[in-house]
Amino acid sequence: MLFRKKIERSCAYCQYGTMLEDHQILCSKKGVRGCEDQCRKFRYDPCKRIPSKAKALDFSKYDGEDYSL
């Protein structure tokens, strides 16, 4: 999902933004912005996007017999 065509715009993963403390972004084009803000200068930077964690697998439906040869 990091490289899909339609990325929702957010200053948090814009090429021009730098993360500050307190969940704010320092934009070289627009100044201090919020993480969810967006503007027309948005350029996607895939290195800044943090993918969501994968769900933990549920192994409770298997018993010891399923793992033996």
PDB file of N, CA and C in Angstrom:
ATOM      1  N   MET A   1       0.801  -1.198   0.000  1.00  0.00           N
ATOM      2  CA  MET A   1       0.000   0.000   0.000  1.00  0.00           C
ATOM      3  C   MET A   1       0.843   1.263   0.000  1.00  0.00           C
ATOM      4  N   LEU A   2       2.142   1.135   0.159  1.00  0.00           N
ATOM      5  CA  LEU A   2       2.981   2.326   0.189  1.00  0.00           C
ATOM      6  C   LEU A   2       3.039   3.053  -1.146  1.00  0.00           C
ATOM      7  N   PHE A   3       2.909   2.314  -2.241  1.00  0.00           N
ATOM      8  CA  PHE A   3       3.104   2.907  -3.549  1.00  0.00           C
ATOM      9  C   PHE A   3       1.845   2.898  -4.401  1.00  0.00           C
ATOM     10  N   ARG A   4       0.682   2.975  -3.782  1.00  0.00           N
ATOM     11  CA  ARG A   4      -0.545   2.981  -4.570  1.00  0.00           C
ATOM     12  C   ARG A   4      -0.700   4.332  -5.272  1.00  0.00           C
ATOM     13  N   LYS A   5      -1.506   4.346  -6.309  1.00  0.00           N
ATOM     14  CA  LYS A   5      -1.654   5.535  -7.145  1.00  0.00           C
ATOM     15  C   LYS A   5      -2.387   6.668  -6.436  1.00  0.00           C
ATOM     16  N   LYS A   6      -3.452   6.354  -5.715  1.00  0.00           N
ATOM     17  CA  LYS A   6      -4.267   7.380  -5.068  1.00  0.00           C
ATOM     18  C   LYS A   6      -3.916   7.435  -3.582  1.00  0.00           C
ATOM     19  N   ILE A   7      -3.032   8.330  -3.228  1.00  0.00           N
ATOM     20  CA  ILE A   7      -2.615   8.523  -1.846  1.00  0.00           C
ATOM     21  C   ILE A   7      -3.402   9.689  -1.277  1.00  0.00           C
ATOM     22  N   GLU A   8      -4.005   9.506  -0.097  1.00  0.00           N
ATOM     23  CA  GLU A   8      -4.679  10.622   0.540  1.00  0.00           C
ATOM     24  C   GLU A   8      -3.605  11.604   1.014  1.00  0.00           C
ATOM     25  N   ARG A   9      -3.784  12.852   0.714  1.00  0.00           N
ATOM     26  CA  ARG A   9      -2.779  13.869   1.009  1.00  0.00           C
ATOM     27  C   ARG A   9      -2.715  14.144   2.504  1.00  0.00           C
ATOM     28  N   SER A  10      -1.507  14.242   3.012  1.00  0.00           N
ATOM     29  CA  SER A  10      -1.282  14.581   4.409  1.00  0.00           C
ATOM     30  C   SER A  10       0.126  15.145   4.529  1.00  0.00           C
ATOM     31  N   CYS A  11       0.272  16.196   5.305  1.00  0.00           N
ATOM     32  CA  CYS A  11       1.590  16.802   5.495  1.00  0.00           C
ATOM     33  C   CYS A  11       2.554  15.846   6.210  1.00  0.00           C
ATOM     34  N   ALA A  12       2.032  14.825   6.864  1.00  0.00           N
ATOM     35  CA  ALA A  12       2.874  13.891   7.611  1.00  0.00           C
ATOM     36  C   ALA A  12       3.821  13.121   6.692  1.00  0.00           C
ATOM     37  N   TYR A  13       3.447  12.887   5.444  1.00  0.00           N
ATOM     38  CA  TYR A  13       4.334  12.173   4.523  1.00  0.00           C
ATOM     39  C   TYR A  13       4.530  12.940   3.220  1.00  0.00           C
ATOM     40  N   CYS A  14       4.700  14.241   3.352  1.00  0.00           N
ATOM     41  CA  CYS A  14       4.996  15.107   2.214  1.00  0.00           C
ATOM     42  C   CYS A  14       6.504  15.304   2.111  1.00  0.00           C
ATOM     43  N   GLN A  15       6.990  15.470   0.931  1.00  0.00           N
ATOM     44  CA  GLN A  15       8.410  15.683   0.671  1.00  0.00           C
ATOM     45  C   GLN A  15       8.920  16.955   1.345  1.00  0.00           C
ATOM     46  N   TYR A  16       8.086  17.961   1.457  1.00  0.00           N
ATOM     47  CA  TYR A  16       8.500  19.256   1.990  1.00  0.00           C
ATOM     48  C   TYR A  16       8.361  19.363   3.503  1.00  0.00           C
ATOM     49  N   GLY A  17       7.762  18.381   4.147  1.00  0.00           N
ATOM     50  CA  GLY A  17       7.495  18.459   5.579  1.00  0.00           C
ATOM     51  C   GLY A  17       8.548  17.769   6.419  1.00  0.00           C
ATOM     52  N   THR A  18       8.783  18.301   7.608  1.00  0.00           N
ATOM     53  CA  THR A  18       9.680  17.709   8.598  1.00  0.00           C
ATOM     54  C   THR A  18       8.918  17.612   9.909  1.00  0.00           C
ATOM     55  N   MET A  19       8.912  16.437  10.526  1.00  0.00           N
ATOM     56  CA  MET A  19       8.161  16.211  11.751  1.00  0.00           C
ATOM     57  C   MET A  19       8.779  16.974  12.910  1.00  0.00           C
ATOM     58  N   LEU A  20       7.938  17.697  13.637  1.00  0.00           N
ATOM     59  CA  LEU A  20       8.328  18.396  14.853  1.00  0.00           C
ATOM     60  C   LEU A  20       7.714  17.679  16.045  1.00  0.00           C
ATOM     61  N   GLU A  21       8.000  18.167  17.233  1.00  0.00           N
ATOM     62  CA  GLU A  21       7.343  17.633  18.422  1.00  0.00           C
ATOM     63  C   GLU A  21       5.876  18.062  18.400  1.00  0.00           C
ATOM     64  N   ASP A  22       5.069  17.473  19.232  1.00  0.00           N
ATOM     65  CA  ASP A  22       3.655  17.819  19.390  1.00  0.00           C
ATOM     66  C   ASP A  22       2.833  17.550  18.137  1.00  0.00           C
ATOM     67  N   HIS A  23       3.213  16.573  17.335  1.00  0.00           N
ATOM     68  CA  HIS A  23       2.465  16.171  16.141  1.00  0.00           C
ATOM     69  C   HIS A  23       2.241  17.335  15.173  1.00  0.00           C
ATOM     70  N   GLN A  24       3.271  18.113  14.949  1.00  0.00           N
ATOM     71  CA  GLN A  24       3.209  19.193  13.984  1.00  0.00           C
ATOM     72  C   GLN A  24       4.274  18.982  12.930  1.00  0.00           C
ATOM     73  N   ILE A  25       4.056  19.583  11.771  1.00  0.00           N
ATOM     74  CA  ILE A  25       4.956  19.458  10.637  1.00  0.00           C
ATOM     75  C   ILE A  25       5.501  20.833  10.291  1.00  0.00           C
ATOM     76  N   LEU A  26       6.818  20.918  10.059  1.00  0.00           N
ATOM     77  CA  LEU A  26       7.419  22.148   9.570  1.00  0.00           C
ATOM     78  C   LEU A  26       7.554  22.011   8.069  1.00  0.00           C
ATOM     79  N   CYS A  27       6.752  22.754   7.336  1.00  0.00           N
ATOM     80  CA  CYS A  27       6.730  22.695   5.874  1.00  0.00           C
ATOM     81  C   CYS A  27       7.637  23.791   5.325  1.00  0.00           C
ATOM     82  N   SER A  28       8.497  23.446   4.379  1.00  0.00           N
ATOM     83  CA  SER A  28       9.382  24.444   3.790  1.00  0.00           C
ATOM     84  C   SER A  28       8.621  25.408   2.885  1.00  0.00           C
ATOM     85  N   LYS A  29       7.397  25.068   2.510  1.00  0.00           N
ATOM     86  CA  LYS A  29       6.581  25.928   1.652  1.00  0.00           C
ATOM     87  C   LYS A  29       5.561  26.751   2.429  1.00  0.00           C
ATOM     88  N   LYS A  30       4.939  26.146   3.470  1.00  0.00           N
ATOM     89  CA  LYS A  30       3.818  26.782   4.153  1.00  0.00           C
ATOM     90  C   LYS A  30       4.045  27.071   5.636  1.00  0.00           C
ATOM     91  N   GLY A  31       5.164  26.662   6.227  1.00  0.00           N
ATOM     92  CA  GLY A  31       5.420  26.911   7.647  1.00  0.00           C
ATOM     93  C   GLY A  31       4.930  25.770   8.519  1.00  0.00           C
ATOM     94  N   VAL A  32       4.589  26.057   9.756  1.00  0.00           N
ATOM     95  CA  VAL A  32       4.145  25.035  10.708  1.00  0.00           C
ATOM     96  C   VAL A  32       2.711  24.639  10.394  1.00  0.00           C
ATOM     97  N   ARG A  33       2.489  23.338  10.278  1.00  0.00           N
ATOM     98  CA  ARG A  33       1.174  22.791   9.930  1.00  0.00           C
ATOM     99  C   ARG A  33       0.867  21.617  10.844  1.00  0.00           C
ATOM    100  N   GLY A  34      -0.380  21.184  10.844  1.00  0.00           N
ATOM    101  CA  GLY A  34      -0.779  19.987  11.578  1.00  0.00           C
ATOM    102  C   GLY A  34      -0.483  18.744  10.750  1.00  0.00           C
ATOM    103  N   CYS A  35      -0.456  17.576  11.393  1.00  0.00           N
ATOM    104  CA  CYS A  35      -0.156  16.325  10.676  1.00  0.00           C
ATOM    105  C   CYS A  35      -1.188  16.004   9.605  1.00  0.00           C
ATOM    106  N   GLU A  36      -2.438  16.311   9.855  1.00  0.00           N
ATOM    107  CA  GLU A  36      -3.506  15.966   8.920  1.00  0.00           C
ATOM    108  C   GLU A  36      -3.783  17.067   7.895  1.00  0.00           C
ATOM    109  N   ASP A  37      -3.071  18.177   7.978  1.00  0.00           N
ATOM    110  CA  ASP A  37      -3.271  19.251   7.010  1.00  0.00           C
ATOM    111  C   ASP A  37      -2.765  18.827   5.642  1.00  0.00           C
ATOM    112  N   GLN A  38      -3.188  19.568   4.632  1.00  0.00           N
ATOM    113  CA  GLN A  38      -2.759  19.288   3.260  1.00  0.00           C
ATOM    114  C   GLN A  38      -2.753  20.585   2.459  1.00  0.00           C
ATOM    115  N   CYS A  39      -1.989  20.623   1.383  1.00  0.00           N
ATOM    116  CA  CYS A  39      -1.971  21.802   0.524  1.00  0.00           C
ATOM    117  C   CYS A  39      -1.681  21.384  -0.910  1.00  0.00           C
ATOM    118  N   ARG A  40      -1.674  22.347  -1.805  1.00  0.00           N
ATOM    119  CA  ARG A  40      -1.459  22.051  -3.223  1.00  0.00           C
ATOM    120  C   ARG A  40      -0.015  21.698  -3.533  1.00  0.00           C
ATOM    121  N   LYS A  41       0.923  22.005  -2.663  1.00  0.00           N
ATOM    122  CA  LYS A  41       2.348  21.714  -2.873  1.00  0.00           C
ATOM    123  C   LYS A  41       2.714  20.278  -2.482  1.00  0.00           C
ATOM    124  N   PHE A  42       1.750  19.470  -2.123  1.00  0.00           N
ATOM    125  CA  PHE A  42       1.984  18.104  -1.645  1.00  0.00           C
ATOM    126  C   PHE A  42       2.749  17.282  -2.681  1.00  0.00           C
ATOM    127  N   ARG A  43       3.837  16.668  -2.237  1.00  0.00           N
ATOM    128  CA  ARG A  43       4.603  15.702  -3.022  1.00  0.00           C
ATOM    129  C   ARG A  43       4.842  14.497  -2.131  1.00  0.00           C
ATOM    130  N   TYR A  44       4.379  13.341  -2.558  1.00  0.00           N
ATOM    131  CA  TYR A  44       4.439  12.131  -1.745  1.00  0.00           C
ATOM    132  C   TYR A  44       5.870  11.631  -1.600  1.00  0.00           C
ATOM    133  N   ASP A  45       6.270  11.319  -0.367  1.00  0.00           N
ATOM    134  CA  ASP A  45       7.569  10.735  -0.066  1.00  0.00           C
ATOM    135  C   ASP A  45       7.322   9.398   0.636  1.00  0.00           C
ATOM    136  N   PRO A  46       7.494   8.272  -0.066  1.00  0.00           N
ATOM    137  CA  PRO A  46       7.178   6.964   0.527  1.00  0.00           C
ATOM    138  C   PRO A  46       8.058   6.610   1.726  1.00  0.00           C
ATOM    139  N   CYS A  47       9.217   7.227   1.854  1.00  0.00           N
ATOM    140  CA  CYS A  47      10.090   6.934   2.992  1.00  0.00           C
ATOM    141  C   CYS A  47       9.545   7.500   4.303  1.00  0.00           C
ATOM    142  N   LYS A  48       8.663   8.472   4.246  1.00  0.00           N
ATOM    143  CA  LYS A  48       8.099   9.077   5.447  1.00  0.00           C
ATOM    144  C   LYS A  48       6.835   8.379   5.923  1.00  0.00           C
ATOM    145  N   ARG A  49       6.262   7.548   5.110  1.00  0.00           N
ATOM    146  CA  ARG A  49       5.024   6.882   5.482  1.00  0.00           C
ATOM    147  C   ARG A  49       5.330   5.637   6.298  1.00  0.00           C
ATOM    148  N   ILE A  50       4.670   5.497   7.432  1.00  0.00           N
ATOM    149  CA  ILE A  50       4.865   4.342   8.303  1.00  0.00           C
ATOM    150  C   ILE A  50       3.683   3.403   8.089  1.00  0.00           C
ATOM    151  N   PRO A  51       3.931   2.191   7.551  1.00  0.00           N
ATOM    152  CA  PRO A  51       2.822   1.261   7.303  1.00  0.00           C
ATOM    153  C   PRO A  51       2.224   0.757   8.608  1.00  0.00           C
ATOM    154  N   SER A  52       0.953   0.407   8.553  1.00  0.00           N
ATOM    155  CA  SER A  52       0.295  -0.119   9.742  1.00  0.00           C
ATOM    156  C   SER A  52       0.813  -1.524  10.045  1.00  0.00           C
ATOM    157  N   LYS A  53       0.743  -1.897  11.311  1.00  0.00           N
ATOM    158  CA  LYS A  53       1.241  -3.206  11.719  1.00  0.00           C
ATOM    159  C   LYS A  53       0.290  -4.296  11.237  1.00  0.00           C
ATOM    160  N   ALA A  54       0.864  -5.438  10.906  1.00  0.00           N
ATOM    161  CA  ALA A  54       0.065  -6.581  10.479  1.00  0.00           C
ATOM    162  C   ALA A  54      -0.671  -7.174  11.675  1.00  0.00           C
ATOM    163  N   LYS A  55      -1.836  -7.736  11.422  1.00  0.00           N
ATOM    164  CA  LYS A  55      -2.600  -8.370  12.493  1.00  0.00           C
ATOM    165  C   LYS A  55      -1.867  -9.612  12.979  1.00  0.00           C
ATOM    166  N   ALA A  56      -1.974  -9.875  14.256  1.00  0.00           N
ATOM    167  CA  ALA A  56      -1.392 -11.081  14.829  1.00  0.00           C
ATOM    168  C   ALA A  56      -2.218 -12.281  14.379  1.00  0.00           C
ATOM    169  N   LEU A  57      -1.541 -13.352  14.014  1.00  0.00           N
ATOM    170  CA  LEU A  57      -2.237 -14.551  13.560  1.00  0.00           C
ATOM    171  C   LEU A  57      -2.845 -15.294  14.745  1.00  0.00           C
ATOM    172  N   ASP A  58      -3.994 -15.904  14.523  1.00  0.00           N
ATOM    173  CA  ASP A  58      -4.684 -16.640  15.577  1.00  0.00           C
ATOM    174  C   ASP A  58      -4.414 -18.132  15.385  1.00  0.00           C
ATOM    175  N   PHE A  59      -3.568 -18.677  16.244  1.00  0.00           N
ATOM    176  CA  PHE A  59      -3.227 -20.094  16.161  1.00  0.00           C
ATOM    177  C   PHE A  59      -4.042 -20.937  17.135  1.00  0.00           C
ATOM    178  N   SER A  60      -5.016 -20.355  17.794  1.00  0.00           N
ATOM    179  CA  SER A  60      -5.788 -21.093  18.788  1.00  0.00           C
ATOM    180  C   SER A  60      -6.670 -22.169  18.152  1.00  0.00           C
ATOM    181  N   LYS A  61      -6.973 -22.038  16.867  1.00  0.00           N
ATOM    182  CA  LYS A  61      -7.822 -23.042  16.223  1.00  0.00           C
ATOM    183  C   LYS A  61      -7.052 -24.319  15.863  1.00  0.00           C
ATOM    184  N   TYR A  62      -5.726 -24.297  16.011  1.00  0.00           N
ATOM    185  CA  TYR A  62      -4.910 -25.473  15.729  1.00  0.00           C
ATOM    186  C   TYR A  62      -4.522 -26.147  17.035  1.00  0.00           C
ATOM    187  N   ASP A  63      -4.360 -27.461  16.991  1.00  0.00           N
ATOM    188  CA  ASP A  63      -3.892 -28.173  18.177  1.00  0.00           C
ATOM    189  C   ASP A  63      -2.582 -28.883  17.834  1.00  0.00           C
ATOM    190  N   GLY A  64      -2.032 -29.619  18.776  1.00  0.00           N
ATOM    191  CA  GLY A  64      -0.743 -30.303  18.600  1.00  0.00           C
ATOM    192  C   GLY A  64      -0.751 -31.301  17.460  1.00  0.00           C
ATOM    193  N   GLU A  65      -1.898 -31.869  17.159  1.00  0.00           N
ATOM    194  CA  GLU A  65      -2.014 -32.850  16.091  1.00  0.00           C
ATOM    195  C   GLU A  65      -1.758 -32.207  14.712  1.00  0.00           C
ATOM    196  N   ASP A  66      -2.092 -30.981  14.569  1.00  0.00           N
ATOM    197  CA  ASP A  66      -1.867 -30.290  13.307  1.00  0.00           C
ATOM    198  C   ASP A  66      -0.399 -30.044  13.017  1.00  0.00           C
ATOM    199  N   TYR A  67       0.430 -30.052  14.054  1.00  0.00           N
ATOM    200  CA  TYR A  67       1.854 -29.769  13.899  1.00  0.00           C
ATOM    201  C   TYR A  67       2.712 -31.028  13.875  1.00  0.00           C
ATOM    202  N   SER A  68       2.141 -32.179  13.978  1.00  0.00           N
ATOM    203  CA  SER A  68       2.921 -33.415  13.966  1.00  0.00           C
ATOM    204  C   SER A  68       2.921 -34.041  12.576  1.00  0.00           C
ATOM    205  N   LEU A  69       3.953 -34.813  12.304  1.00  0.00           N
ATOM    206  CA  LEU A  69       4.079 -35.493  11.009  1.00  0.00           C
ATOM    207  C   LEU A  69       3.581 -36.903  11.054  1.00  0.00           C
TER     208      LEU A  69
END
